[in-house]
Amino acid sequence: MRNSSSGTRSARKSKRRGKKSTTRWVAKVKTDSTYPPEGLFTKDAKTIARSLASKRVSPKGLSSGLRMLVYYINRGGKGLSASRRRELEEAKKLLSARIAKAKETRHKKAA
């Protein structure tokens, strides 16, 4: 049995096809939970990963720092140069490895 609202769904889709917005939702996001130092994302990968792993920058833990980095990469979009994107992706790998190591250590202590 089909839902009778399928007609309104296609009507909504047609409205979205209009003029593309020049601002993106990501530009409007504000956060109070994390405070990266000014200019952090312009530094080398090791410095970025080390800083985002610190309790001062990411009080909610390593995953919070990783989310912040991924958010920054996504927000940069096409505006990031290839070299900057590579450096940020490298920082993401380093931070992910640090998270995996922390989880492994936690599981060993629990066992």
Protein backbone atom coordinates (compact mmCIF):
# COMPACT_ATOMS: atom_id res chain seq x y z
CA MET A 1 0.00 0.00 0.00
CA ARG A 2 1.47 3.34 -1.02
CA ASN A 3 1.37 6.48 1.02
CA SER A 4 -0.85 9.18 -0.45
CA SER A 5 1.78 11.82 0.33
CA SER A 6 3.99 10.70 -2.59
CA GLY A 7 2.49 13.46 -4.73
CA THR A 8 3.67 16.12 -2.27
CA ARG A 9 7.14 14.62 -2.19
CA SER A 10 7.64 15.19 -5.91
CA ALA A 11 6.27 18.71 -5.50
CA ARG A 12 8.92 19.37 -2.87
CA LYS A 13 11.65 18.10 -5.14
CA SER A 14 10.63 20.45 -7.91
CA LYS A 15 10.84 23.42 -5.52
CA ARG A 16 14.44 22.50 -4.62
CA ARG A 17 15.55 22.58 -8.22
CA GLY A 18 15.35 26.37 -8.25
CA LYS A 19 18.28 28.72 -7.79
CA LYS A 20 21.22 27.18 -5.95
CA SER A 21 22.07 28.89 -2.69
CA THR A 22 25.40 30.70 -2.63
CA THR A 23 25.90 30.10 1.10
CA ARG A 24 26.38 26.66 2.52
CA TRP A 25 24.92 25.37 5.77
CA VAL A 26 28.38 24.59 7.07
CA ALA A 27 29.33 28.27 7.07
CA LYS A 28 26.61 29.02 9.63
CA VAL A 29 27.69 26.41 12.20
CA LYS A 30 29.06 27.76 15.47
CA THR A 31 30.48 25.71 18.33
CA ASP A 32 31.26 26.38 21.97
CA SER A 33 32.70 22.99 22.84
CA THR A 34 36.12 23.21 21.21
CA TYR A 35 38.63 25.99 20.82
CA PRO A 36 41.46 25.28 18.38
CA PRO A 37 44.30 27.81 18.50
CA GLU A 38 44.28 30.51 15.84
CA GLY A 39 46.02 29.34 12.67
CA LEU A 40 46.22 25.70 13.77
CA PHE A 41 45.03 24.28 10.46
CA THR A 42 47.79 26.07 8.55
CA LYS A 43 50.54 24.12 10.37
CA ASP A 44 52.09 20.73 9.57
CA ALA A 45 50.22 17.45 10.08
CA LYS A 46 52.06 16.37 13.26
CA THR A 47 51.41 19.70 14.96
CA ILE A 48 47.72 19.64 14.00
CA ALA A 49 47.25 16.07 15.26
CA ARG A 50 49.14 16.74 18.50
CA SER A 51 47.17 19.90 19.21
CA LEU A 52 43.78 18.35 18.44
CA ALA A 53 44.61 15.41 20.71
CA SER A 54 45.25 17.70 23.69
CA LYS A 55 42.66 18.05 26.46
CA ARG A 56 42.83 21.83 26.17
CA VAL A 57 41.62 21.83 22.56
CA SER A 58 39.43 18.72 22.67
CA PRO A 59 38.11 18.37 26.22
CA LYS A 60 35.71 15.61 25.14
CA GLY A 61 38.51 13.38 23.89
CA LEU A 62 40.41 12.40 20.77
CA SER A 63 37.30 11.71 18.69
CA SER A 64 36.19 15.28 19.24
CA GLY A 65 39.45 16.52 17.72
CA LEU A 66 39.06 14.19 14.75
CA ARG A 67 35.52 15.42 14.14
CA MET A 68 36.77 19.00 14.26
CA LEU A 69 39.43 18.22 11.65
CA VAL A 70 37.00 16.41 9.34
CA TYR A 71 34.57 19.31 9.70
CA TYR A 72 37.31 21.77 8.74
CA ILE A 73 38.25 19.70 5.67
CA ASN A 74 34.60 19.49 4.61
CA ARG A 75 34.07 23.19 5.21
CA GLY A 76 37.13 24.04 3.11
CA GLY A 77 35.72 22.08 0.19
CA LYS A 78 37.02 23.15 -3.18
CA GLY A 79 38.71 26.17 -1.60
CA LEU A 80 41.50 24.04 -0.11
CA SER A 81 44.63 23.70 -2.19
CA ALA A 82 45.79 20.17 -3.01
CA SER A 83 48.88 20.51 -0.79
CA ARG A 84 46.83 21.82 2.17
CA ARG A 85 44.26 19.03 1.74
CA ARG A 86 47.09 16.44 1.70
CA GLU A 87 48.53 17.87 4.91
CA LEU A 88 45.12 17.84 6.61
CA GLU A 89 44.42 14.29 5.43
CA GLU A 90 47.79 13.24 6.87
CA ALA A 91 46.85 14.86 10.19
CA LYS A 92 43.58 12.91 10.04
CA LYS A 93 45.52 9.63 9.59
CA LEU A 94 47.81 10.46 12.52
CA LEU A 95 44.88 11.33 14.76
CA SER A 96 42.97 8.19 13.72
CA ALA A 97 46.02 6.06 14.54
CA ARG A 98 46.24 7.74 17.94
CA ILE A 99 42.56 6.96 18.60
CA ALA A 100 43.04 3.31 17.57
CA LYS A 101 46.07 3.02 19.86
CA ALA A 102 44.13 4.52 22.78
CA LYS A 103 41.26 2.07 22.23
CA GLU A 104 43.69 -0.83 22.06
CA THR A 105 45.34 0.23 25.31
CA ARG A 106 41.93 0.60 26.96
CA HIS A 107 40.90 -2.92 25.90
CA LYS A 108 44.16 -4.43 27.18
CA LYS A 109 43.66 -2.79 30.59
CA ALA A 110 40.09 -4.09 30.79
CA ALA A 111 41.14 -7.66 30.04
